[in-house]
C-alpha cells in the first residue's frame, strides 16, 4: 500500500489525544451524511471529492467528543458537507471493505492503515489514494484549518501544514 505522507508532521503539530476503552459514552448524534466505506468510495468517485475516513468505536469517548464538539461545529460541518465524502468505519463491526482490488474485514483494513488508537482519520484524495492518517482528537479550530488545507490540496503543492497554519504559506495565491 502506498506510504502515507504528512502524518508525523501533522501529528506533532496537532497534539492529538487517544481514546482508551474505559468509558462508555452516550450515543452520538450528527447531521453529517456518513457512508459505509464501499458506498463512500463510490460516491467520492462519482462526485470527484476527497474522502475522510473516521475510524471509531461506540465505546470511544474521544470519538464521541469529536462528533459532538468538532464535526458539529457550524463552520466545520459546512466544510465537511460541501467538500468531502465522510466515511465512518466502526472498528468493531464486521463490514467487508473493498479497496484497490482487495477485500478486507474492518480489522484487516484498520491494520493495513496502522490504526492503533481511536479516533483516527484517514484522508483520501479525489483519485482514491491515501494522503495521510491522523490519530487522536483534534480541536475544532485546528480541524477547520486541516480540512481547508486538505480540500485545497496544499499537500500536493508541497506546502508545509505548520507554515500554512501559521499563515506563512498559502495554497491559493
Protein backbone atom coordinates (compact mmCIF):
# COMPACT_ATOMS: atom_id res chain seq x y z
CA UNK A 1 0.00 0.00 0.00
CA UNK A 2 1.22 3.47 -0.83
CA UNK A 3 3.06 5.10 2.07
CA UNK A 4 1.02 7.67 3.91
CA UNK A 5 2.67 11.08 3.95
CA UNK A 6 2.48 14.06 6.29
CA UNK A 7 1.43 12.05 9.36
CA UNK A 8 4.46 12.72 11.51
CA UNK A 9 4.41 16.45 10.85
CA UNK A 10 0.68 16.85 11.31
CA UNK A 11 0.60 14.68 14.44
CA UNK A 12 3.35 16.76 16.04
CA UNK A 13 1.58 20.00 15.14
CA UNK A 14 -1.88 18.92 16.28
CA UNK A 15 -1.05 17.48 19.70
CA UNK A 16 -3.56 14.64 19.47
CA UNK A 17 -5.28 12.66 22.24
CA UNK A 18 -6.17 8.99 22.03
CA UNK A 19 -9.14 7.07 23.34
CA UNK A 20 -8.89 4.15 25.69
CA UNK A 21 -11.56 1.54 26.26
CA UNK A 22 -12.50 2.68 29.76
CA UNK A 23 -15.70 4.69 29.42
CA UNK A 24 -18.93 4.08 27.53
CA UNK A 25 -20.17 7.40 26.07
CA UNK A 26 -23.69 8.39 25.15
CA UNK A 27 -24.88 7.80 21.59
CA UNK A 28 -23.51 10.50 19.25
CA UNK A 29 -25.98 12.47 17.18
CA UNK A 30 -24.96 14.03 13.90
CA UNK A 31 -26.02 15.77 10.75
CA UNK A 32 -23.17 14.53 8.60
CA UNK A 33 -24.03 12.03 5.90
CA UNK A 34 -21.93 9.06 6.96
CA UNK A 35 -21.30 6.46 4.29
CA UNK A 36 -20.10 2.90 4.62
CA UNK A 37 -16.65 2.53 3.08
CA UNK A 38 -17.80 0.91 -0.15
CA UNK A 39 -20.66 3.37 -0.70
CA UNK A 40 -18.46 6.34 0.20
CA UNK A 41 -15.64 5.45 -2.18
CA UNK A 42 -18.18 5.12 -4.99
CA UNK A 43 -19.83 8.45 -4.06
CA UNK A 44 -16.42 10.15 -3.91
CA UNK A 45 -15.54 8.88 -7.39
CA UNK A 46 -18.93 9.96 -8.76
CA UNK A 47 -18.76 13.41 -7.14
CA UNK A 48 -14.99 13.85 -7.60
CA UNK A 49 -14.50 14.67 -3.93
CA UNK A 50 -11.85 13.68 -1.41
CA UNK A 51 -12.73 11.37 1.47
CA UNK A 52 -12.29 11.46 5.22
CA UNK A 53 -12.48 8.03 6.83
CA UNK A 54 -13.31 8.18 10.54
CA UNK A 55 -12.18 5.05 12.37
CA UNK A 56 -14.22 4.89 15.58
CA UNK A 57 -15.92 2.65 18.13
CA UNK A 58 -19.09 3.25 20.13
CA UNK A 59 -17.20 2.97 23.44
CA UNK A 60 -14.61 5.61 22.45
CA UNK A 61 -15.14 8.78 24.49
CA UNK A 62 -12.83 10.85 22.28
CA UNK A 63 -14.70 9.66 19.16
CA UNK A 64 -17.96 10.97 20.60
CA UNK A 65 -16.23 14.20 21.62
CA UNK A 66 -15.02 14.63 18.00
CA UNK A 67 -18.59 14.07 16.78
CA UNK A 68 -20.20 16.50 19.20
CA UNK A 69 -17.57 19.23 19.55
CA UNK A 70 -15.69 19.17 16.26
CA UNK A 71 -17.79 17.68 13.44
CA UNK A 72 -20.88 19.56 14.64
CA UNK A 73 -19.17 22.96 14.90
CA UNK A 74 -21.03 25.02 12.22
CA UNK A 75 -18.00 26.03 10.08
CA UNK A 76 -16.57 22.51 10.22
CA UNK A 77 -19.93 20.92 9.44
CA UNK A 78 -20.46 23.20 6.43
CA UNK A 79 -16.96 22.47 5.07
CA UNK A 80 -17.30 18.72 5.56
CA UNK A 81 -20.69 18.62 3.84
CA UNK A 82 -19.59 20.71 0.87
CA UNK A 83 -16.07 19.44 0.23
CA UNK A 84 -15.77 15.85 1.46
CA UNK A 85 -17.37 12.45 1.44
CA UNK A 86 -17.47 11.24 5.03
CA UNK A 87 -16.96 7.54 5.72
CA UNK A 88 -17.24 6.00 9.14
CA UNK A 89 -15.71 2.64 9.99
CA UNK A 90 -16.71 1.04 13.26
CA UNK A 91 -13.53 -0.87 14.05
CA UNK A 92 -15.53 -3.49 15.94
CA UNK A 93 -18.10 -4.12 13.19
CA UNK A 94 -17.91 -6.88 10.59
CA UNK A 95 -18.05 -4.87 7.37
CA UNK A 96 -16.42 -6.14 4.18
CA UNK A 97 -14.34 -3.35 2.69
CA UNK A 98 -13.31 -3.35 -0.96
CA UNK A 99 -10.33 -1.18 -1.78
CA UNK A 100 -7.81 -1.30 -4.61
CA UNK A 101 -8.94 -4.72 -5.80
CA UNK A 102 -8.78 -6.39 -2.39
CA UNK A 103 -11.45 -7.27 0.15
CA UNK A 104 -10.74 -6.62 3.82
CA UNK A 105 -12.55 -7.07 7.11
CA UNK A 106 -12.70 -3.87 9.16
CA UNK A 107 -9.92 -5.27 11.36
CA UNK A 108 -7.70 -6.07 8.35
CA UNK A 109 -8.33 -2.64 6.82
CA UNK A 110 -7.57 -0.88 10.11
CA UNK A 111 -4.38 -2.91 10.42
CA UNK A 112 -3.38 -2.16 6.82
CA UNK A 113 -3.51 1.56 7.64
CA UNK A 114 -1.81 1.05 11.01
CA UNK A 115 -4.75 2.34 13.04
CA UNK A 116 -3.57 1.81 16.61
CA UNK A 117 -5.83 4.20 18.52
CA UNK A 118 -9.18 5.90 18.22
CA UNK A 119 -10.29 8.18 16.83
CA UNK A 120 -8.14 8.07 13.70
CA UNK A 121 -8.85 9.97 10.50
CA UNK A 122 -7.64 8.81 7.09
CA UNK A 123 -7.63 11.35 4.28
CA UNK A 124 -8.01 10.00 0.73
CA UNK A 125 -7.67 12.27 -2.30
CA UNK A 126 -10.06 12.60 -5.26
CA UNK A 127 -8.17 9.85 -7.11
CA UNK A 128 -8.78 7.40 -4.27
CA UNK A 129 -5.18 7.49 -2.99
CA UNK A 130 -4.38 7.80 0.72
CA UNK A 131 -2.79 11.12 1.64
CA UNK A 132 -2.33 11.00 5.39
CA UNK A 133 -3.62 9.39 8.57
CA UNK A 134 -4.08 11.37 11.77
CA UNK A 135 -4.70 9.61 15.06
CA UNK A 136 -6.38 11.21 18.05
CA UNK A 137 -8.73 14.02 18.96
CA UNK A 138 -8.30 17.32 17.10
CA UNK A 139 -9.85 20.58 18.31
CA UNK A 140 -12.35 22.34 16.03
CA UNK A 141 -10.10 25.38 15.42
CA UNK A 142 -7.22 23.19 14.22
CA UNK A 143 -9.52 20.79 12.36
CA UNK A 144 -11.06 23.58 10.21
CA UNK A 145 -7.54 24.59 9.16
CA UNK A 146 -6.66 20.99 8.42
CA UNK A 147 -9.71 20.26 6.28
CA UNK A 148 -9.26 23.53 4.39
CA UNK A 149 -5.61 22.58 3.78
CA UNK A 150 -6.69 19.13 2.56
CA UNK A 151 -9.62 20.39 0.42
CA UNK A 152 -7.31 22.92 -1.27
CA UNK A 153 -4.79 20.10 -1.89
CA UNK A 154 -1.98 22.12 -0.30
CA UNK A 155 -0.07 18.88 0.37
CA UNK A 156 0.25 18.31 -3.39
CA UNK A 157 1.80 21.78 -3.74
CA UNK A 158 4.42 20.85 -1.11
CA UNK A 159 3.02 23.43 1.32
CA UNK A 160 4.03 22.59 4.87
CA UNK A 161 0.96 22.34 7.15
CA UNK A 162 2.73 24.10 10.00
CA UNK A 163 3.62 27.05 7.72
CA UNK A 164 0.05 27.05 6.36
CA UNK A 165 -1.37 27.00 9.88
CA UNK A 166 0.80 29.97 10.92
CA UNK A 167 -0.16 31.93 7.79
CA UNK A 168 3.38 31.74 6.41
CA UNK A 169 2.32 29.87 3.27
CA UNK A 170 -0.83 29.92 1.15
CA UNK A 171 -2.14 27.36 -1.28
CA UNK A 172 -4.22 29.63 -3.47
CA UNK A 173 -2.10 32.63 -4.42
